[in-house]
Structure formats: C-alpha cells, structure tokens
C-alpha cells in the first residue's frame, strides 16, 4: 500500500514485472517491466514515504532498481485514484508501461535479494544469503554499504529521522544503528 494513497497497491511478480493497482476499482494504472526491468522473478518492492510515486524493487537477478514515473505517467496514476463509475468498462482505462528505472545496481548483493525497503532516502536490502545492507543510492558513486549476517540480528528500538542518513552495522551478532557520513 502507498503510504499516503491507501487505494494504491504495488505488487511484484514471477512474470518479471511490478504492477500498480487501484484496489477499489481493480484498475492496473502502471506496469513496470520491459527493457530496463528485472531479468528474473521480482521478489520484493517498497514505497518511498516522502515522494509521490517512487518505489524500489529487488529480484532474483540480484539487482535493485528505483522507479519513478515521469509527470505524464503520474497523471495516469492520479487518474487511477479517481472514483470509478462501475457502469463503465475497465477496458476504457489506459494502463501505462514504465520500462526505465531512475537507478539500478547489482553491486550491493551477490545473490537473490528477497527484501528491499526505503528508510528515508536510504535503502535497506536483504539477500537470501542472510546479508543485509543499508545504503544510499548515488548515481556517481558506489552504494554506501554495511553488511551483517542476519541469522541472529536484533535491532534495539530506535527511530530514524528521514533527514538523516541512517546506517546499521554490527559484529558478533549485534547490530548498531546510527548516522552514516558520506566521506
């Protein structure tokens, strides 16, 4: 579910795509797949809480992608949020295709990535080999990463301000959260 528009549901699929749905009408507003899409089953996706329609996805291709529809496509998303007249066929709604991500990387994990979420502007990702990374996607540099074996990870309760660059790392089965300075 979208953090501010509760009618929007983002789903990921074995067919290499993501879909943006209006759960009230059943309309698919956006299909995310194609040339710049994932090359294997999409396993996880999550919304950016601060931006209107930005989301992240991960897949069995070991790639993490950040997606953001352009203004024209966003109008389609907004149209999908409008109340739908049940007497009109859903076929009249024009579903859009998003094929090129804003950001894409294979440098964070070496195996399938089965969980990915935004934490402010940072991305928290976990691979099937039980490694987690908290990093900030930057187009000009390698992602800022800190890995930890997830077999017995426990984080103390702590709120993370979205204006900070959160970070987490640990050793000996303990993890620590805090700010990460770009250096």
N, C-alpha and C. Protein backbone atom coordinates (compact mmCIF):
# COMPACT_ATOMS: atom_id res chain seq x y z
N UNK A 1 0.83 -1.18 0.00
CA UNK A 1 0.00 0.00 0.00
C UNK A 1 0.88 1.25 0.00
N UNK A 2 0.43 2.25 -0.70
CA UNK A 2 1.14 3.52 -0.73
C UNK A 2 1.00 4.19 0.64
N UNK A 3 2.06 4.84 1.14
CA UNK A 3 1.99 5.44 2.48
C UNK A 3 0.96 6.56 2.63
N UNK A 4 0.61 7.24 1.52
CA UNK A 4 -0.37 8.33 1.62
C UNK A 4 -1.64 8.08 0.83
N UNK A 5 -1.59 7.27 -0.21
CA UNK A 5 -2.76 6.98 -1.03
C UNK A 5 -3.12 5.51 -0.82
N UNK A 6 -3.98 5.25 0.14
CA UNK A 6 -4.28 3.88 0.58
C UNK A 6 -4.92 3.02 -0.50
N UNK A 7 -5.43 3.63 -1.57
CA UNK A 7 -6.04 2.84 -2.64
C UNK A 7 -5.00 2.25 -3.58
N UNK A 8 -3.74 2.70 -3.50
CA UNK A 8 -2.69 2.19 -4.39
C UNK A 8 -1.96 1.01 -3.77
N UNK A 9 -1.90 -0.07 -4.51
CA UNK A 9 -1.18 -1.26 -4.09
C UNK A 9 -0.12 -1.57 -5.14
N UNK A 10 1.09 -1.80 -4.69
CA UNK A 10 2.20 -2.17 -5.57
C UNK A 10 2.46 -3.66 -5.38
N UNK A 11 2.45 -4.41 -6.47
CA UNK A 11 2.71 -5.85 -6.38
C UNK A 11 3.90 -6.22 -7.25
N UNK A 12 4.59 -7.28 -6.84
CA UNK A 12 5.70 -7.79 -7.65
C UNK A 12 5.38 -9.23 -8.03
N UNK A 13 6.00 -9.71 -9.11
CA UNK A 13 5.52 -10.95 -9.69
C UNK A 13 6.63 -11.82 -10.27
N UNK A 14 6.29 -13.09 -10.45
CA UNK A 14 7.19 -14.04 -11.09
C UNK A 14 7.34 -13.74 -12.58
N UNK A 15 6.44 -12.94 -13.15
CA UNK A 15 6.50 -12.64 -14.58
C UNK A 15 7.45 -11.47 -14.89
N UNK A 16 8.35 -11.13 -13.95
CA UNK A 16 9.39 -10.12 -14.09
C UNK A 16 8.86 -8.69 -13.99
N UNK A 17 7.62 -8.52 -13.54
CA UNK A 17 7.03 -7.18 -13.53
C UNK A 17 6.59 -6.76 -12.13
N UNK A 18 6.32 -5.46 -12.04
CA UNK A 18 5.62 -4.88 -10.90
C UNK A 18 4.36 -4.26 -11.47
N UNK A 19 3.32 -4.19 -10.65
CA UNK A 19 2.07 -3.58 -11.10
C UNK A 19 1.55 -2.66 -10.00
N UNK A 20 1.04 -1.53 -10.44
CA UNK A 20 0.45 -0.54 -9.54
C UNK A 20 -1.06 -0.59 -9.73
N UNK A 21 -1.79 -0.97 -8.67
CA UNK A 21 -3.22 -1.22 -8.72
C UNK A 21 -4.00 -0.19 -7.92
N UNK A 22 -5.22 0.09 -8.36
CA UNK A 22 -6.21 0.75 -7.52
C UNK A 22 -7.05 -0.37 -6.94
N UNK A 23 -6.95 -0.61 -5.64
CA UNK A 23 -7.63 -1.76 -5.05
C UNK A 23 -9.14 -1.59 -4.99
N UNK A 24 -9.64 -0.37 -5.10
CA UNK A 24 -11.08 -0.16 -5.06
C UNK A 24 -11.74 -0.48 -6.39
N UNK A 25 -11.07 -0.15 -7.50
CA UNK A 25 -11.66 -0.37 -8.81
C UNK A 25 -11.09 -1.60 -9.53
N UNK A 26 -9.94 -2.07 -9.09
CA UNK A 26 -9.28 -3.17 -9.79
C UNK A 26 -8.48 -2.73 -10.99
N UNK A 27 -8.36 -1.43 -11.22
CA UNK A 27 -7.62 -0.87 -12.36
C UNK A 27 -6.12 -1.04 -12.13
N UNK A 28 -5.41 -1.50 -13.16
CA UNK A 28 -3.95 -1.51 -13.14
C UNK A 28 -3.50 -0.20 -13.79
N UNK A 29 -2.94 0.70 -12.99
CA UNK A 29 -2.53 2.01 -13.50
C UNK A 29 -1.20 1.94 -14.23
N UNK A 30 -0.30 1.08 -13.74
CA UNK A 30 1.06 1.07 -14.25
C UNK A 30 1.62 -0.34 -14.22
N UNK A 31 2.26 -0.74 -15.31
CA UNK A 31 3.01 -2.00 -15.35
C UNK A 31 4.47 -1.63 -15.51
N UNK A 32 5.30 -2.13 -14.61
CA UNK A 32 6.73 -1.83 -14.60
C UNK A 32 7.46 -3.08 -15.08
N UNK A 33 7.95 -3.04 -16.31
CA UNK A 33 8.64 -4.17 -16.93
C UNK A 33 9.21 -3.71 -18.26
N UNK A 34 9.97 -4.58 -18.89
CA UNK A 34 10.47 -4.25 -20.23
C UNK A 34 11.97 -4.15 -20.28
N UNK A 35 12.47 -3.31 -21.20
CA UNK A 35 13.90 -3.22 -21.49
C UNK A 35 14.76 -2.96 -20.26
N UNK A 36 14.36 -2.03 -19.41
CA UNK A 36 15.15 -1.70 -18.23
C UNK A 36 14.70 -2.43 -16.98
N UNK A 37 13.78 -3.38 -17.14
CA UNK A 37 13.22 -4.09 -16.00
C UNK A 37 14.09 -5.23 -15.52
N UNK A 38 13.57 -5.96 -14.55
CA UNK A 38 14.30 -7.10 -13.99
C UNK A 38 14.36 -8.24 -14.99
N UNK A 39 15.38 -9.06 -14.86
CA UNK A 39 15.61 -10.20 -15.76
C UNK A 39 15.30 -11.54 -15.11
N UNK A 40 14.70 -11.50 -13.93
CA UNK A 40 14.28 -12.71 -13.24
C UNK A 40 13.13 -12.33 -12.31
N UNK A 41 12.58 -13.28 -11.60
CA UNK A 41 11.41 -13.05 -10.76
C UNK A 41 11.63 -11.89 -9.79
N UNK A 42 10.65 -10.99 -9.70
CA UNK A 42 10.71 -9.87 -8.78
C UNK A 42 10.20 -10.36 -7.42
N UNK A 43 11.04 -10.20 -6.39
CA UNK A 43 10.74 -10.78 -5.09
C UNK A 43 10.22 -9.78 -4.06
N UNK A 44 10.58 -8.50 -4.20
CA UNK A 44 10.20 -7.54 -3.17
C UNK A 44 10.09 -6.15 -3.76
N UNK A 45 9.26 -5.32 -3.12
CA UNK A 45 9.13 -3.93 -3.53
C UNK A 45 8.67 -3.10 -2.34
N UNK A 46 8.95 -1.81 -2.39
CA UNK A 46 8.55 -0.92 -1.31
C UNK A 46 8.48 0.52 -1.76
N UNK A 47 7.64 1.29 -1.10
CA UNK A 47 7.41 2.70 -1.44
C UNK A 47 8.40 3.62 -0.73
N UNK A 48 8.71 4.74 -1.36
CA UNK A 48 9.41 5.84 -0.71
C UNK A 48 8.33 6.68 -0.05
N UNK A 49 8.43 6.89 1.26
CA UNK A 49 7.37 7.59 2.00
C UNK A 49 7.30 9.07 1.68
N UNK A 50 8.40 9.67 1.26
CA UNK A 50 8.43 11.11 1.06
C UNK A 50 8.16 11.59 -0.34
N UNK A 51 8.20 10.72 -1.33
CA UNK A 51 7.99 11.13 -2.71
C UNK A 51 6.67 10.57 -3.21
N UNK A 52 6.05 11.28 -4.14
CA UNK A 52 4.68 10.96 -4.53
C UNK A 52 4.51 9.57 -5.13
N UNK A 53 5.44 9.12 -5.95
CA UNK A 53 5.27 7.81 -6.60
C UNK A 53 6.62 7.21 -6.93
N UNK A 54 7.48 7.08 -5.94
CA UNK A 54 8.79 6.48 -6.12
C UNK A 54 8.82 5.17 -5.33
N UNK A 55 9.32 4.12 -5.95
CA UNK A 55 9.38 2.83 -5.27
C UNK A 55 10.64 2.08 -5.69
N UNK A 56 10.97 1.06 -4.92
CA UNK A 56 12.18 0.27 -5.11
C UNK A 56 11.76 -1.19 -5.30
N UNK A 57 12.55 -1.92 -6.09
CA UNK A 57 12.27 -3.34 -6.30
C UNK A 57 13.57 -4.13 -6.28
N UNK A 58 13.43 -5.41 -5.96
CA UNK A 58 14.57 -6.33 -5.99
C UNK A 58 14.11 -7.66 -6.54
N UNK A 59 15.07 -8.45 -7.05
CA UNK A 59 14.67 -9.66 -7.76
C UNK A 59 15.73 -10.75 -7.65
N UNK A 60 15.41 -11.87 -8.29
CA UNK A 60 16.33 -12.99 -8.35
C UNK A 60 17.49 -12.73 -9.30
N UNK A 61 17.48 -11.60 -10.00
CA UNK A 61 18.61 -11.23 -10.85
C UNK A 61 19.69 -10.49 -10.05
N UNK A 62 19.52 -10.37 -8.72
CA UNK A 62 20.46 -9.71 -7.81
C UNK A 62 20.60 -8.22 -8.08
N UNK A 63 19.57 -7.62 -8.64
CA UNK A 63 19.58 -6.20 -8.97
C UNK A 63 18.52 -5.48 -8.15
N UNK A 64 18.86 -4.27 -7.70
CA UNK A 64 17.92 -3.39 -7.02
C UNK A 64 17.68 -2.21 -7.95
N UNK A 65 16.39 -1.87 -8.13
CA UNK A 65 16.03 -0.77 -9.02
C UNK A 65 15.12 0.21 -8.30
N UNK A 66 15.35 1.51 -8.55
CA UNK A 66 14.48 2.56 -8.04
C UNK A 66 13.69 3.09 -9.22
N UNK A 67 12.36 3.15 -9.06
CA UNK A 67 11.47 3.55 -10.14
C UNK A 67 10.74 4.82 -9.76
N UNK A 68 10.53 5.71 -10.73
CA UNK A 68 9.77 6.93 -10.52
C UNK A 68 9.15 7.34 -11.86
N UNK A 69 7.83 7.23 -11.97
CA UNK A 69 7.19 7.63 -13.23
C UNK A 69 7.38 9.12 -13.50
N UNK A 70 7.51 9.47 -14.78
CA UNK A 70 7.61 10.89 -15.13
C UNK A 70 6.25 11.56 -14.90
N UNK A 71 6.19 12.88 -15.09
CA UNK A 71 4.97 13.64 -14.80
C UNK A 71 3.78 13.15 -15.61
N UNK A 72 4.00 12.81 -16.88
CA UNK A 72 2.91 12.34 -17.74
C UNK A 72 2.34 11.02 -17.22
N UNK A 73 3.22 10.10 -16.84
CA UNK A 73 2.76 8.82 -16.29
C UNK A 73 2.10 9.00 -14.94
N UNK A 74 2.58 9.97 -14.17
CA UNK A 74 1.98 10.20 -12.87
C UNK A 74 0.53 10.65 -13.00
N UNK A 75 0.21 11.35 -14.08
CA UNK A 75 -1.19 11.73 -14.32
C UNK A 75 -2.07 10.50 -14.46
N UNK A 76 -1.53 9.43 -15.06
CA UNK A 76 -2.27 8.18 -15.17
C UNK A 76 -2.50 7.58 -13.79
N UNK A 77 -1.49 7.66 -12.93
CA UNK A 77 -1.62 7.15 -11.56
C UNK A 77 -2.69 7.94 -10.82
N UNK A 78 -2.67 9.26 -10.97
CA UNK A 78 -3.69 10.09 -10.33
C UNK A 78 -5.08 9.76 -10.87
N UNK A 79 -5.19 9.52 -12.17
CA UNK A 79 -6.48 9.17 -12.76
C UNK A 79 -6.99 7.85 -12.19
N UNK A 80 -6.08 6.93 -11.90
CA UNK A 80 -6.48 5.65 -11.32
C UNK A 80 -7.03 5.80 -9.92
N UNK A 81 -6.68 6.89 -9.25
CA UNK A 81 -7.17 7.14 -7.90
C UNK A 81 -8.56 7.74 -7.86
N UNK A 82 -9.02 8.24 -9.00
CA UNK A 82 -10.35 8.85 -9.04
C UNK A 82 -11.42 7.78 -8.88
N UNK A 83 -12.55 8.16 -8.29
CA UNK A 83 -13.65 7.19 -8.17
C UNK A 83 -14.05 6.67 -9.55
N UNK A 84 -14.25 5.39 -9.65
CA UNK A 84 -14.55 4.77 -10.94
C UNK A 84 -16.03 4.49 -11.04
N UNK A 85 -16.62 4.87 -12.15
CA UNK A 85 -18.04 4.60 -12.40
C UNK A 85 -18.18 3.13 -12.77
N UNK A 86 -18.85 2.39 -11.89
CA UNK A 86 -18.98 0.94 -12.08
C UNK A 86 -19.73 0.57 -13.35
N UNK A 87 -20.49 1.51 -13.90
CA UNK A 87 -21.24 1.21 -15.13
C UNK A 87 -20.35 1.24 -16.37
N UNK A 88 -19.14 1.83 -16.24
CA UNK A 88 -18.22 1.90 -17.39
C UNK A 88 -17.26 0.71 -17.34
N UNK A 89 -16.93 0.14 -18.49
CA UNK A 89 -15.99 -0.99 -18.50
C UNK A 89 -14.58 -0.53 -18.13
N UNK A 90 -13.87 -1.39 -17.41
CA UNK A 90 -12.50 -1.06 -17.01
C UNK A 90 -11.56 -0.98 -18.21
N UNK A 91 -11.95 -1.60 -19.32
CA UNK A 91 -11.12 -1.58 -20.52
C UNK A 91 -10.90 -0.18 -21.08
N UNK A 92 -11.71 0.78 -20.66
CA UNK A 92 -11.55 2.15 -21.14
C UNK A 92 -10.38 2.85 -20.46
N UNK A 93 -9.89 2.30 -19.36
CA UNK A 93 -8.77 2.91 -18.66
C UNK A 93 -7.48 2.50 -19.35
N UNK A 94 -6.60 3.46 -19.60
CA UNK A 94 -5.35 3.20 -20.34
C UNK A 94 -4.20 2.93 -19.36
N UNK A 95 -3.80 1.68 -19.22
CA UNK A 95 -2.68 1.30 -18.38
C UNK A 95 -1.38 1.72 -19.06
N UNK A 96 -0.47 2.28 -18.30
CA UNK A 96 0.82 2.75 -18.85
C UNK A 96 1.92 1.75 -18.51
N UNK A 97 3.00 1.78 -19.31
CA UNK A 97 4.17 0.93 -19.10
C UNK A 97 5.35 1.81 -18.68
N UNK A 98 6.03 1.41 -17.62
CA UNK A 98 7.26 2.07 -17.19
C UNK A 98 8.38 1.06 -17.40
N UNK A 99 9.37 1.41 -18.25
CA UNK A 99 10.40 0.45 -18.64
C UNK A 99 11.80 0.82 -18.19
N UNK A 100 12.01 2.08 -17.79
CA UNK A 100 13.38 2.52 -17.45
C UNK A 100 13.40 3.01 -16.01
N UNK A 101 14.24 2.41 -15.17
CA UNK A 101 14.32 2.85 -13.77
C UNK A 101 15.12 4.14 -13.63
N UNK A 102 14.93 4.81 -12.52
CA UNK A 102 15.72 6.01 -12.20
C UNK A 102 17.14 5.60 -11.78
N UNK A 103 17.24 4.46 -11.11
CA UNK A 103 18.52 3.98 -10.59
C UNK A 103 18.50 2.46 -10.61
N UNK A 104 19.64 1.84 -10.89
CA UNK A 104 19.74 0.39 -10.91
C UNK A 104 21.16 -0.02 -10.51
N UNK A 105 21.27 -1.04 -9.65
CA UNK A 105 22.60 -1.51 -9.27
C UNK A 105 22.59 -3.00 -8.98
N UNK A 106 23.71 -3.65 -9.29
CA UNK A 106 23.92 -5.04 -8.94
C UNK A 106 25.09 -5.15 -7.95
N UNK A 107 25.58 -4.03 -7.44
CA UNK A 107 26.79 -4.00 -6.62
C UNK A 107 26.56 -4.16 -5.12
N UNK A 108 25.34 -4.32 -4.69
CA UNK A 108 25.07 -4.38 -3.26
C UNK A 108 25.13 -5.81 -2.73
N UNK A 109 24.53 -6.76 -3.44
CA UNK A 109 24.50 -8.16 -3.00
C UNK A 109 24.98 -9.06 -4.13
N UNK A 110 25.46 -10.26 -3.75
CA UNK A 110 25.93 -11.23 -4.73
C UNK A 110 24.92 -12.32 -5.03
N UNK A 111 23.80 -12.31 -4.34
CA UNK A 111 22.79 -13.35 -4.57
C UNK A 111 21.41 -12.72 -4.61
N UNK A 112 20.37 -13.56 -4.75
CA UNK A 112 18.99 -13.07 -4.85
C UNK A 112 18.69 -12.11 -3.71
N UNK A 113 17.97 -11.05 -4.01
CA UNK A 113 17.59 -10.06 -2.99
C UNK A 113 16.10 -10.24 -2.73
N UNK A 114 15.79 -10.76 -1.53
CA UNK A 114 14.41 -11.12 -1.25
C UNK A 114 13.66 -10.11 -0.39
N UNK A 115 14.30 -9.02 0.00
CA UNK A 115 13.60 -7.98 0.76
C UNK A 115 14.29 -6.65 0.51
N UNK A 116 13.48 -5.63 0.22
CA UNK A 116 14.02 -4.29 0.00
C UNK A 116 12.98 -3.27 0.46
N UNK A 117 13.44 -2.23 1.17
CA UNK A 117 12.57 -1.17 1.68
C UNK A 117 13.33 0.14 1.71
N UNK A 118 12.60 1.24 1.56
CA UNK A 118 13.17 2.56 1.78
C UNK A 118 13.15 2.86 3.28
N UNK A 119 14.19 3.50 3.76
CA UNK A 119 14.26 4.08 5.10
C UNK A 119 14.70 5.52 4.89
N UNK A 120 13.74 6.42 4.77
CA UNK A 120 14.07 7.78 4.36
C UNK A 120 14.55 7.72 2.93
N UNK A 121 15.72 8.28 2.64
CA UNK A 121 16.29 8.20 1.29
C UNK A 121 17.25 7.03 1.14
N UNK A 122 17.49 6.31 2.22
CA UNK A 122 18.37 5.13 2.18
C UNK A 122 17.53 3.90 1.82
N UNK A 123 18.21 2.85 1.40
CA UNK A 123 17.55 1.60 1.06
C UNK A 123 18.11 0.50 1.96
N UNK A 124 17.21 -0.25 2.57
CA UNK A 124 17.56 -1.42 3.37
C UNK A 124 17.26 -2.64 2.53
N UNK A 125 18.27 -3.47 2.27
CA UNK A 125 18.07 -4.64 1.43
C UNK A 125 18.66 -5.87 2.10
N UNK A 126 18.03 -7.03 1.82
CA UNK A 126 18.48 -8.30 2.38
C UNK A 126 18.52 -9.34 1.27
N UNK A 127 19.56 -10.14 1.27
CA UNK A 127 19.69 -11.19 0.26
C UNK A 127 19.42 -12.55 0.88
N UNK A 128 19.25 -13.56 0.03
CA UNK A 128 18.94 -14.90 0.51
C UNK A 128 20.10 -15.55 1.26
N UNK A 129 21.29 -14.98 1.14
CA UNK A 129 22.41 -15.50 1.93
C UNK A 129 22.48 -14.83 3.31
N UNK A 130 21.35 -14.20 3.72
CA UNK A 130 21.17 -13.60 5.04
C UNK A 130 22.13 -12.45 5.32
N UNK A 131 22.40 -11.65 4.31
CA UNK A 131 23.19 -10.45 4.49
C UNK A 131 22.29 -9.25 4.26
N UNK A 132 22.46 -8.23 5.08
CA UNK A 132 21.65 -7.03 4.98
C UNK A 132 22.56 -5.84 4.68
N UNK A 133 22.05 -4.89 3.93
CA UNK A 133 22.82 -3.68 3.62
C UNK A 133 21.89 -2.48 3.73
N UNK A 134 22.38 -1.44 4.35
CA UNK A 134 21.67 -0.17 4.41
C UNK A 134 22.53 0.82 3.67
N UNK A 135 22.02 1.39 2.59
CA UNK A 135 22.84 2.19 1.70
C UNK A 135 22.02 3.29 1.05
N UNK A 136 22.73 4.27 0.52
CA UNK A 136 22.10 5.41 -0.14
C UNK A 136 22.44 5.34 -1.63
N UNK A 137 21.43 5.24 -2.50
CA UNK A 137 21.73 5.19 -3.93
C UNK A 137 22.23 6.53 -4.44
N UNK A 138 23.42 6.52 -5.00
CA UNK A 138 24.00 7.72 -5.59
C UNK A 138 24.50 7.35 -6.97
N UNK A 139 24.09 8.08 -7.95
CA UNK A 139 24.41 7.75 -9.34
C UNK A 139 25.91 7.83 -9.63
N UNK A 140 26.65 8.66 -8.90
CA UNK A 140 28.05 8.89 -9.24
C UNK A 140 29.03 8.04 -8.44
N UNK A 141 28.55 7.33 -7.44
CA UNK A 141 29.49 6.55 -6.62
C UNK A 141 28.89 5.20 -6.27
N UNK A 142 29.71 4.34 -5.73
CA UNK A 142 29.23 3.05 -5.27
C UNK A 142 28.30 3.24 -4.09
N UNK A 143 27.34 2.36 -3.91
CA UNK A 143 26.45 2.48 -2.76
C UNK A 143 27.24 2.39 -1.45
N UNK A 144 26.80 3.14 -0.47
CA UNK A 144 27.37 3.11 0.86
C UNK A 144 26.81 1.87 1.53
N UNK A 145 27.62 0.90 1.88
CA UNK A 145 27.07 -0.35 2.41
C UNK A 145 27.73 -0.73 3.73
N UNK A 146 26.99 -1.47 4.49
CA UNK A 146 27.49 -2.08 5.71
C UNK A 146 26.76 -3.41 5.81
N UNK A 147 27.47 -4.51 5.76
CA UNK A 147 26.85 -5.83 5.73
C UNK A 147 26.86 -6.47 7.13
N UNK A 148 25.88 -7.32 7.37
CA UNK A 148 25.80 -8.05 8.62
C UNK A 148 25.13 -9.39 8.37
N UNK A 149 25.61 -10.42 9.02
CA UNK A 149 25.00 -11.74 8.94
C UNK A 149 23.67 -11.69 9.68
N UNK A 150 22.56 -11.99 9.00
CA UNK A 150 21.22 -11.81 9.56
C UNK A 150 20.71 -13.00 10.36
N UNK A 151 21.50 -14.05 10.54
CA UNK A 151 20.95 -15.23 11.21
C UNK A 151 20.46 -14.94 12.62
N UNK A 152 21.07 -14.01 13.32
CA UNK A 152 20.60 -13.69 14.66
C UNK A 152 20.69 -12.19 14.91
N UNK A 153 20.15 -11.42 13.99
CA UNK A 153 20.20 -9.96 14.11
C UNK A 153 19.04 -9.47 14.95
N UNK A 154 19.33 -8.60 15.87
CA UNK A 154 18.25 -7.92 16.60
C UNK A 154 18.65 -6.47 16.74
N UNK A 155 17.74 -5.60 16.40
CA UNK A 155 18.00 -4.16 16.48
C UNK A 155 17.28 -3.59 17.69
N UNK A 156 17.95 -2.74 18.46
CA UNK A 156 17.25 -2.08 19.56
C UNK A 156 16.24 -1.09 18.99
N UNK A 157 15.13 -0.84 19.71
CA UNK A 157 14.17 0.13 19.18
C UNK A 157 14.82 1.50 19.06
N UNK A 158 14.67 2.13 17.89
CA UNK A 158 15.26 3.44 17.64
C UNK A 158 14.53 4.06 16.48
N UNK A 159 14.17 5.30 16.62
CA UNK A 159 13.54 5.97 15.49
C UNK A 159 14.63 6.60 14.64
N UNK A 160 14.43 6.59 13.34
CA UNK A 160 15.38 7.16 12.41
C UNK A 160 14.72 8.36 11.74
N UNK A 161 15.32 9.51 11.88
CA UNK A 161 14.78 10.70 11.21
C UNK A 161 15.07 10.59 9.73
N UNK A 162 14.08 10.95 8.91
CA UNK A 162 14.28 10.82 7.47
C UNK A 162 15.25 11.86 6.93
N UNK A 163 15.59 12.89 7.71
CA UNK A 163 16.55 13.88 7.24
C UNK A 163 17.98 13.41 7.46
N UNK A 164 18.15 12.36 8.27
CA UNK A 164 19.49 11.82 8.49
C UNK A 164 19.76 10.72 7.48
N UNK A 165 21.02 10.37 7.34
CA UNK A 165 21.38 9.22 6.53
C UNK A 165 21.59 8.06 7.50
N UNK A 166 20.56 7.22 7.67
CA UNK A 166 20.69 6.16 8.66
C UNK A 166 21.68 5.10 8.22
N UNK A 167 22.25 4.41 9.18
CA UNK A 167 23.18 3.34 8.88
C UNK A 167 23.07 2.27 9.93
N UNK A 168 23.45 1.08 9.57
CA UNK A 168 23.43 0.00 10.53
C UNK A 168 24.58 -0.94 10.22
N UNK A 169 25.26 -1.39 11.23
CA UNK A 169 26.25 -2.43 11.04
C UNK A 169 26.48 -3.11 12.38
N UNK A 170 27.15 -4.19 12.36
CA UNK A 170 27.36 -4.89 13.62
C UNK A 170 28.36 -6.01 13.48
N UNK A 171 28.65 -6.64 14.61
CA UNK A 171 29.51 -7.81 14.63
C UNK A 171 29.17 -8.61 15.87
N UNK A 172 29.57 -9.83 15.87
CA UNK A 172 29.27 -10.73 16.99
C UNK A 172 27.78 -10.75 17.32
N UNK A 173 26.97 -10.84 16.29
CA UNK A 173 25.52 -10.98 16.41
C UNK A 173 24.84 -9.80 17.07
N UNK A 174 25.43 -8.62 16.98
CA UNK A 174 24.80 -7.39 17.45
C UNK A 174 24.82 -6.39 16.30
N UNK A 175 23.82 -5.57 16.26
CA UNK A 175 23.77 -4.55 15.21
C UNK A 175 23.60 -3.19 15.88
N UNK A 176 24.10 -2.18 15.21
CA UNK A 176 24.02 -0.82 15.72
C UNK A 176 23.47 0.07 14.63
N UNK A 177 22.60 0.97 15.00
CA UNK A 177 22.02 1.91 14.02
C UNK A 177 22.50 3.31 14.35
N UNK A 178 22.67 4.12 13.34
CA UNK A 178 23.10 5.49 13.53
C UNK A 178 23.20 6.22 12.24
N UNK A 179 23.93 7.32 12.24
CA UNK A 179 24.10 8.11 11.03
C UNK A 179 25.33 7.65 10.27
N UNK A 180 25.24 7.71 8.95
CA UNK A 180 26.38 7.38 8.09
C UNK A 180 26.79 8.65 7.40
N UNK A 181 28.03 9.03 7.56
CA UNK A 181 28.53 10.23 6.88
C UNK A 181 29.12 9.84 5.54
N UNK A 182 28.74 10.60 4.53
CA UNK A 182 29.35 10.38 3.22
C UNK A 182 30.77 10.91 3.28
N UNK A 183 31.70 10.13 2.90
CA UNK A 183 33.05 10.58 3.08
C UNK A 183 33.89 10.36 1.93
